[in-house]
Amino acid sequence: MNILVDIGFRAASASLCVSFGRRVWSGLAARQIQSWQRPSIFDLFQERKPPVYQRDAEPVGFWMQICLQGGAAAMGLVSAIVGWHPNG
């Protein structure tokens, strides 16, 4: 059973890495990036979209999203390489 958990964990981590990596790459190319989280829990029940940060209009928000999503891609890559090791 442990090997199935490890395979599932690595697959989920690799998909996280690819997903966030694509978002960061396209955000840098298009000079705008969409936030991956909604501003409030109540926005789940409404039809509002997450904010889009443009590099020229909101540089702090843009670079914060680039760093957060790039960090998530890096963590996904590391966890896909290392794998799942419970209890040593």
Protein backbone atom coordinates (compact mmCIF):
# COMPACT_ATOMS: atom_id res chain seq x y z
CA MET A 1 0.00 0.00 0.00
CA ASN A 2 2.90 2.36 0.72
CA ILE A 3 4.14 2.19 -2.86
CA LEU A 4 0.73 3.28 -4.16
CA VAL A 5 0.73 6.25 -1.81
CA ASP A 6 4.22 7.17 -3.02
CA ILE A 7 3.23 6.92 -6.68
CA GLY A 8 0.08 8.97 -6.09
CA PHE A 9 2.02 11.58 -4.14
CA ARG A 10 4.65 11.90 -6.86
CA ALA A 11 1.98 12.17 -9.58
CA ALA A 12 0.11 14.88 -7.67
CA SER A 13 3.35 16.75 -6.99
CA ALA A 14 4.41 16.59 -10.63
CA SER A 15 1.03 17.89 -11.78
CA LEU A 16 1.27 20.72 -9.24
CA CYS A 17 4.73 21.57 -10.55
CA VAL A 18 3.61 21.60 -14.18
CA SER A 19 0.44 23.57 -13.46
CA PHE A 20 2.09 26.33 -11.46
CA GLY A 21 5.12 26.37 -13.76
CA ARG A 22 2.89 27.02 -16.77
CA ARG A 23 1.05 29.77 -14.90
CA VAL A 24 4.31 31.50 -13.99
CA TRP A 25 5.77 31.13 -17.48
CA SER A 26 2.66 32.49 -19.20
CA GLY A 27 2.38 35.24 -16.57
CA LEU A 28 5.91 36.40 -17.29
CA ALA A 29 5.32 36.25 -21.04
CA ALA A 30 1.97 38.08 -20.95
CA ARG A 31 3.04 40.52 -18.19
CA GLN A 32 -0.06 39.66 -16.17
CA ILE A 33 -0.95 36.81 -13.86
CA GLN A 34 -4.19 35.65 -12.29
CA SER A 35 -4.25 34.89 -8.60
CA TRP A 36 -4.74 31.23 -7.74
CA GLN A 37 -6.81 31.99 -4.66
CA ARG A 38 -10.00 33.87 -4.16
CA PRO A 39 -9.97 36.89 -1.84
CA SER A 40 -12.71 35.51 0.43
CA ILE A 41 -14.50 32.27 1.23
CA PHE A 42 -17.77 33.95 0.25
CA ASP A 43 -16.51 34.35 -3.31
CA LEU A 44 -17.00 30.61 -3.80
CA PHE A 45 -20.74 31.23 -3.88
CA GLN A 46 -20.53 34.13 -6.29
CA GLU A 47 -19.51 34.39 -9.92
CA ARG A 48 -16.53 36.67 -9.30
CA LYS A 49 -13.16 35.72 -10.74
CA PRO A 50 -9.86 35.96 -8.86
CA PRO A 51 -7.96 39.22 -9.44
CA VAL A 52 -5.55 39.62 -12.33
CA TYR A 53 -2.32 41.47 -11.55
CA GLN A 54 -0.63 43.36 -14.38
CA ARG A 55 3.09 44.03 -14.22
CA ASP A 56 2.87 47.71 -15.12
CA ALA A 57 -0.26 48.58 -13.12
CA GLU A 58 0.34 46.53 -9.94
CA PRO A 59 4.00 45.48 -9.80
CA VAL A 60 3.97 44.43 -6.12
CA GLY A 61 0.96 42.14 -6.52
CA PHE A 62 2.36 40.78 -9.78
CA TRP A 63 5.74 39.84 -8.28
CA MET A 64 4.11 38.45 -5.14
CA GLN A 65 2.03 36.10 -7.28
CA ILE A 66 5.04 35.17 -9.41
CA CYS A 67 7.07 34.33 -6.28
CA LEU A 68 4.24 32.41 -4.58
CA GLN A 69 3.34 30.39 -7.65
CA GLY A 70 6.98 29.87 -8.59
CA GLY A 71 7.66 28.64 -5.07
CA ALA A 72 4.72 26.24 -5.33
CA ALA A 73 6.14 24.92 -8.60
CA ALA A 74 9.57 24.45 -6.99
CA MET A 75 8.06 22.66 -3.98
CA GLY A 76 6.11 20.42 -6.34
CA LEU A 77 9.31 19.57 -8.20
CA VAL A 78 11.22 18.79 -5.01
CA SER A 79 8.43 16.64 -3.58
CA ALA A 80 8.07 14.79 -6.89
CA ILE A 81 11.78 13.97 -6.82
CA VAL A 82 12.01 13.10 -3.11
CA GLY A 83 8.67 11.32 -2.83
CA TRP A 84 6.68 10.28 0.21
CA HIS A 85 8.68 9.03 3.20
CA PRO A 86 6.50 8.61 6.29
CA ASN A 87 8.35 7.54 9.44
CA GLY A 88 11.78 7.51 7.83
